[in-house]
C-alpha atoms as a PDB file:
ATOM      1  CA  MET A   1      10.233  -3.699 -15.633  1.00  0.00           C
ATOM      2  CA  GLY A   2       7.412  -2.483 -13.429  1.00  0.00           C
ATOM      3  CA  VAL A   3       6.598   0.317 -11.047  1.00  0.00           C
ATOM      4  CA  ARG A   4       8.160   0.204  -7.594  1.00  0.00           C
ATOM      5  CA  VAL A   5       6.144   1.353  -4.576  1.00  0.00           C
ATOM      6  CA  ARG A   6       7.008   0.908  -0.909  1.00  0.00           C
ATOM      7  CA  ILE A   7       4.266  -0.214   1.453  1.00  0.00           C
ATOM      8  CA  ARG A   8       4.106  -1.050   5.131  1.00  0.00           C
ATOM      9  CA  VAL A   9       1.629  -1.556   7.899  1.00  0.00           C
ATOM     10  CA  GLU A  10       1.332   1.357  10.269  1.00  0.00           C
ATOM     11  CA  VAL A  11      -0.353   1.009  13.642  1.00  0.00           C
ATOM     12  CA  ALA A  12      -2.039   3.603  15.796  1.00  0.00           C
ATOM     13  CA  ASP A  13      -0.497   4.917  18.993  1.00  0.00           C
ATOM     14  CA  GLY A  14      -0.325   2.454  21.844  1.00  0.00           C
ATOM     15  CA  VAL A  15       0.733  -0.475  19.670  1.00  0.00           C
ATOM     16  CA  ARG A  16       4.404  -1.456  19.761  1.00  0.00           C
ATOM     17  CA  SER A  17       6.557  -0.795  16.683  1.00  0.00           C
ATOM     18  CA  GLN A  18       7.519  -4.487  16.710  1.00  0.00           C
ATOM     19  CA  ASP A  19       3.862  -5.176  16.040  1.00  0.00           C
ATOM     20  CA  ALA A  20       4.006  -2.982  12.924  1.00  0.00           C
ATOM     21  CA  SER A  21       7.015  -4.949  11.654  1.00  0.00           C
ATOM     22  CA  ARG A  22       5.338  -8.258  12.463  1.00  0.00           C
ATOM     23  CA  LEU A  23       2.166  -7.148  10.691  1.00  0.00           C
ATOM     24  CA  THR A  24       4.129  -5.882   7.672  1.00  0.00           C
ATOM     25  CA  GLU A  25       5.729  -9.332   7.340  1.00  0.00           C
ATOM     26  CA  ALA A  26       2.310 -10.963   7.760  1.00  0.00           C
ATOM     27  CA  LEU A  27       0.917  -8.678   5.034  1.00  0.00           C
ATOM     28  CA  ALA A  28       3.774  -9.735   2.736  1.00  0.00           C
ATOM     29  CA  ARG A  29       2.822 -13.385   3.177  1.00  0.00           C
ATOM     30  CA  TRP A  30      -0.867 -12.508   2.695  1.00  0.00           C
ATOM     31  CA  LEU A  31      -0.146 -10.655  -0.564  1.00  0.00           C
ATOM     32  CA  GLU A  32       2.030 -13.498  -1.862  1.00  0.00           C
ATOM     33  CA  GLN A  33      -0.855 -15.921  -1.340  1.00  0.00           C
ATOM     34  CA  ASP A  34      -3.567 -13.645  -2.713  1.00  0.00           C
ATOM     35  CA  ARG A  35      -4.301 -14.797  -6.280  1.00  0.00           C
ATOM     36  CA  THR A  36      -5.366 -11.295  -7.313  1.00  0.00           C
ATOM     37  CA  VAL A  37      -2.102  -9.729  -6.103  1.00  0.00           C
ATOM     38  CA  GLY A  38       0.691 -12.299  -5.781  1.00  0.00           C
ATOM     39  CA  PRO A  39       1.121 -13.176  -9.460  1.00  0.00           C
ATOM     40  CA  TYR A  40       1.320  -9.493 -10.449  1.00  0.00           C
ATOM     41  CA  VAL A  41       3.867  -8.167  -7.946  1.00  0.00           C
ATOM     42  CA  LYS A  42       7.395  -8.880  -6.883  1.00  0.00           C
ATOM     43  CA  ILE A  43       7.786  -8.364  -3.143  1.00  0.00           C
ATOM     44  CA  ASN A  44      11.118  -7.475  -1.578  1.00  0.00           C
ATOM     45  CA  ARG A  45      11.361  -7.131   2.175  1.00  0.00           C
ATOM     46  CA  ILE A  46      13.293  -4.119   3.461  1.00  0.00           C
ATOM     47  CA  ARG A  47      14.631  -5.004   6.875  1.00  0.00           C
ATOM     48  CA  SER A  48      15.802  -2.653   9.579  1.00  0.00           C
ATOM     49  CA  GLY A  49      19.462  -2.610  10.511  1.00  0.00           C
ATOM     50  CA  ALA A  50      20.501  -3.943  13.908  1.00  0.00           C
ATOM     51  CA  THR A  51      20.777  -1.203  16.503  1.00  0.00           C
ATOM     52  CA  ASP A  52      23.038  -1.329  19.548  1.00  0.00           C
ATOM     53  CA  GLY A  53      23.356  -5.102  19.402  1.00  0.00           C
ATOM     54  CA  ALA A  54      19.590  -5.522  19.598  1.00  0.00           C
ATOM     55  CA  MET A  55      18.034  -8.464  17.836  1.00  0.00           C
ATOM     56  CA  SER A  56      15.644  -6.242  15.891  1.00  0.00           C
ATOM     57  CA  GLY A  57      17.811  -6.241  12.773  1.00  0.00           C
ATOM     58  CA  GLU A  58      15.561  -8.807  11.140  1.00  0.00           C
ATOM     59  CA  LEU A  59      12.324  -6.848  11.488  1.00  0.00           C
ATOM     60  CA  VAL A  60      10.588  -5.931   8.232  1.00  0.00           C
ATOM     61  CA  ASP A  61      10.197  -2.164   7.959  1.00  0.00           C
ATOM     62  CA  TRP A  62       8.868  -1.911   4.391  1.00  0.00           C
ATOM     63  CA  LEU A  63       7.807  -4.033   1.459  1.00  0.00           C
ATOM     64  CA  ALA A  64       9.058  -2.907  -1.928  1.00  0.00           C
ATOM     65  CA  LEU A  65       6.421  -3.926  -4.449  1.00  0.00           C
ATOM     66  CA  VAL A  66       7.198  -3.994  -8.132  1.00  0.00           C
ATOM     67  CA  PHE A  67       3.899  -4.075 -10.032  1.00  0.00           C
ATOM     68  CA  SER A  68       3.508  -5.632 -13.452  1.00  0.00           C
ATOM     69  CA  SER A  69       1.571  -3.713 -16.073  1.00  0.00           C
ATOM     70  CA  SER A  70      -1.509  -5.906 -15.569  1.00  0.00           C
ATOM     71  CA  PHE A  71      -1.745  -5.188 -11.827  1.00  0.00           C
ATOM     72  CA  SER A  72      -4.922  -3.740 -10.332  1.00  0.00           C
ATOM     73  CA  VAL A  73      -4.465  -1.227  -7.503  1.00  0.00           C
ATOM     74  CA  ILE A  74      -7.948  -2.079  -6.300  1.00  0.00           C
ATOM     75  CA  SER A  75      -6.758  -5.655  -5.705  1.00  0.00           C
ATOM     76  CA  LEU A  76      -4.115  -4.325  -3.323  1.00  0.00           C
ATOM     77  CA  VAL A  77      -6.723  -2.342  -1.393  1.00  0.00           C
ATOM     78  CA  TYR A  78      -9.114  -5.298  -1.186  1.00  0.00           C
ATOM     79  CA  SER A  79      -6.295  -7.583  -0.104  1.00  0.00           C
ATOM     80  CA  HIS A  80      -5.284  -5.132   2.625  1.00  0.00           C
ATOM     81  CA  LEU A  81      -8.888  -4.891   3.840  1.00  0.00           C
ATOM     82  CA  SER A  82      -9.208  -8.701   3.907  1.00  0.00           C
ATOM     83  CA  PHE A  83      -5.896  -8.963   5.764  1.00  0.00           C
ATOM     84  CA  ARG A  84      -7.040  -6.339   8.261  1.00  0.00           C
ATOM     85  CA  ALA A  85     -10.377  -8.122   8.791  1.00  0.00           C
ATOM     86  CA  SER A  86      -8.500 -11.336   9.632  1.00  0.00           C
ATOM     87  CA  LEU A  87      -6.716  -9.684  12.566  1.00  0.00           C
ATOM     88  CA  PRO A  88      -7.911  -9.762  16.174  1.00  0.00           C
ATOM     89  CA  PRO A  89     -10.219  -6.816  16.952  1.00  0.00           C
ATOM     90  CA  ARG A  90      -7.586  -5.064  19.089  1.00  0.00           C
ATOM     91  CA  GLU A  91      -5.189  -4.902  16.133  1.00  0.00           C
ATOM     92  CA  ARG A  92      -7.779  -4.538  13.381  1.00  0.00           C
ATOM     93  CA  SER A  93      -8.920  -1.090  14.415  1.00  0.00           C
ATOM     94  CA  SER A  94      -5.387   0.319  14.572  1.00  0.00           C
ATOM     95  CA  VAL A  95      -3.958  -1.040  11.294  1.00  0.00           C
ATOM     96  CA  ARG A  96      -3.579   1.025   8.134  1.00  0.00           C
ATOM     97  CA  LEU A  97      -1.633   0.593   4.913  1.00  0.00           C
ATOM     98  CA  VAL A  98       0.983   3.193   4.009  1.00  0.00           C
ATOM     99  CA  ALA A  99       2.212   3.426   0.420  1.00  0.00           C
ATOM    100  CA  GLU A 100       5.049   5.674  -0.674  1.00  0.00           C
ATOM    101  CA  ARG A 101       6.687   6.488  -3.964  1.00  0.00           C
ATOM    102  CA  GLY A 102       9.266   9.250  -4.001  1.00  0.00           C
ATOM    103  CA  ASP A 103       7.916  12.141  -1.942  1.00  0.00           C
ATOM    104  CA  SER A 104       4.290  11.003  -2.254  1.00  0.00           C
ATOM    105  CA  ARG A 105       2.535   9.130   0.536  1.00  0.00           C
ATOM    106  CA  VAL A 106      -0.933   7.560   0.694  1.00  0.00           C
ATOM    107  CA  VAL A 107      -2.578   6.068   3.781  1.00  0.00           C
ATOM    108  CA  VAL A 108      -5.353   3.503   3.318  1.00  0.00           C
ATOM    109  CA  GLU A 109      -7.510   2.892   6.375  1.00  0.00           C
ATOM    110  CA  ALA A 110     -11.042   2.017   5.306  1.00  0.00           C
ATOM    111  CA  GLY A 111     -10.531   1.541   1.575  1.00  0.00           C
ATOM    112  CA  SER A 112     -12.726   4.521   0.735  1.00  0.00           C
ATOM    113  CA  ALA A 113     -13.139   5.668  -2.843  1.00  0.00           C
ATOM    114  CA  GLU A 114     -10.927   8.668  -2.059  1.00  0.00           C
ATOM    115  CA  GLU A 115      -8.151   6.442  -0.672  1.00  0.00           C
ATOM    116  CA  VAL A 116      -8.351   4.174  -3.725  1.00  0.00           C
ATOM    117  CA  ALA A 117      -8.185   7.212  -6.025  1.00  0.00           C
ATOM    118  CA  GLN A 118      -5.144   8.558  -4.155  1.00  0.00           C
ATOM    119  CA  LEU A 119      -3.393   5.198  -4.443  1.00  0.00           C
ATOM    120  CA  MET A 120      -4.262   4.976  -8.136  1.00  0.00           C
ATOM    121  CA  ARG A 121      -2.775   8.449  -8.662  1.00  0.00           C
ATOM    122  CA  LEU A 122       0.370   7.412  -6.772  1.00  0.00           C
ATOM    123  CA  VAL A 123       0.811   4.371  -9.000  1.00  0.00           C
ATOM    124  CA  GLY A 124      -0.503   6.119 -12.118  1.00  0.00           C
ATOM    125  CA  ASP A 125       1.948   8.973 -11.671  1.00  0.00           C
ATOM    126  CA  ALA A 126       4.617   6.302 -11.799  1.00  0.00           C
ATOM    127  CA  GLY A 127       3.468   5.390 -15.301  1.00  0.00           C
ATOM    128  CA  LEU A 128       1.757   2.091 -14.492  1.00  0.00           C
ATOM    129  CA  LEU A 129      -1.702   3.268 -15.436  1.00  0.00           C
ATOM    130  CA  ASP A 130      -1.602   4.237 -19.080  1.00  0.00           C
ATOM    131  CA  HIS A 131      -5.107   5.653 -19.314  1.00  0.00           C
ATOM    132  CA  GLN A 132      -7.832   7.256 -17.223  1.00  0.00           C
ATOM    133  CA  ALA A 133     -11.467   6.331 -17.150  1.00  0.00           C
ATOM    134  CA  PRO A 134     -13.388   8.496 -19.664  1.00  0.00           C
ATOM    135  CA  GLU A 135     -15.451  10.224 -16.963  1.00  0.00           C
ATOM    136  CA  SER A 136     -12.276  11.146 -15.049  1.00  0.00           C
ATOM    137  CA  THR A 137     -10.788  12.726 -18.158  1.00  0.00           C
ATOM    138  CA  ALA A 138     -14.008  14.650 -18.859  1.00  0.00           C
ATOM    139  CA  ASP A 139     -14.199  15.918 -15.255  1.00  0.00           C
ATOM    140  CA  THR A 140     -10.613  17.136 -15.372  1.00  0.00           C
ATOM    141  CA  ALA A 141     -11.078  18.880 -18.702  1.00  0.00           C
ATOM    142  CA  SER A 142     -14.334  20.602 -17.700  1.00  0.00           C
ATOM    143  CA  ASP A 143     -13.017  22.166 -14.491  1.00  0.00           C
ATOM    144  CA  GLY A 144      -9.570  23.160 -15.672  1.00  0.00           C
ATOM    145  CA  GLY A 145      -7.840  20.248 -13.936  1.00  0.00           C
ATOM    146  CA  ALA A 146      -8.922  21.193 -10.428  1.00  0.00           C
ATOM    147  CA  ALA A 147     -10.990  18.081  -9.733  1.00  0.00           C
ATOM    148  CA  GLY A 148     -10.367  16.843  -6.235  1.00  0.00           C
ATOM    149  CA  ALA A 149      -8.408  19.928  -5.180  1.00  0.00           C
ATOM    150  CA  SER A 150      -9.158  21.225  -1.734  1.00  0.00           C
END
């Protein structure tokens, strides 16, 4: 089996929650078509339940991604950034990717090295990444494991 992580699109204040659900569904389709992501993940859509007879029961709240062992977290970040760049400017600036596993949460906005590292730790803590880069291991050993602590 693989590692399961929940992701969704989050939008800044002033953008309707229906837009977040619509964008999460659009991201799911984008990831399925991305050759660097689609073949390595299984995507399940988690839909909201209908509330008070409203027709919103079919909105996608989350995507449950199950990564294969050959998946690259960086591919997910690049795919998100490409997806975000394809949006109209009004939406583009307010969209971010939220990834959760258990009690851990990572938000990817600009795809910075720190955001990528946080996402890699989220997935790596789940056992998907079976090794660290040699320089990461050396940094951790030399400072007593406090690298990146703030």
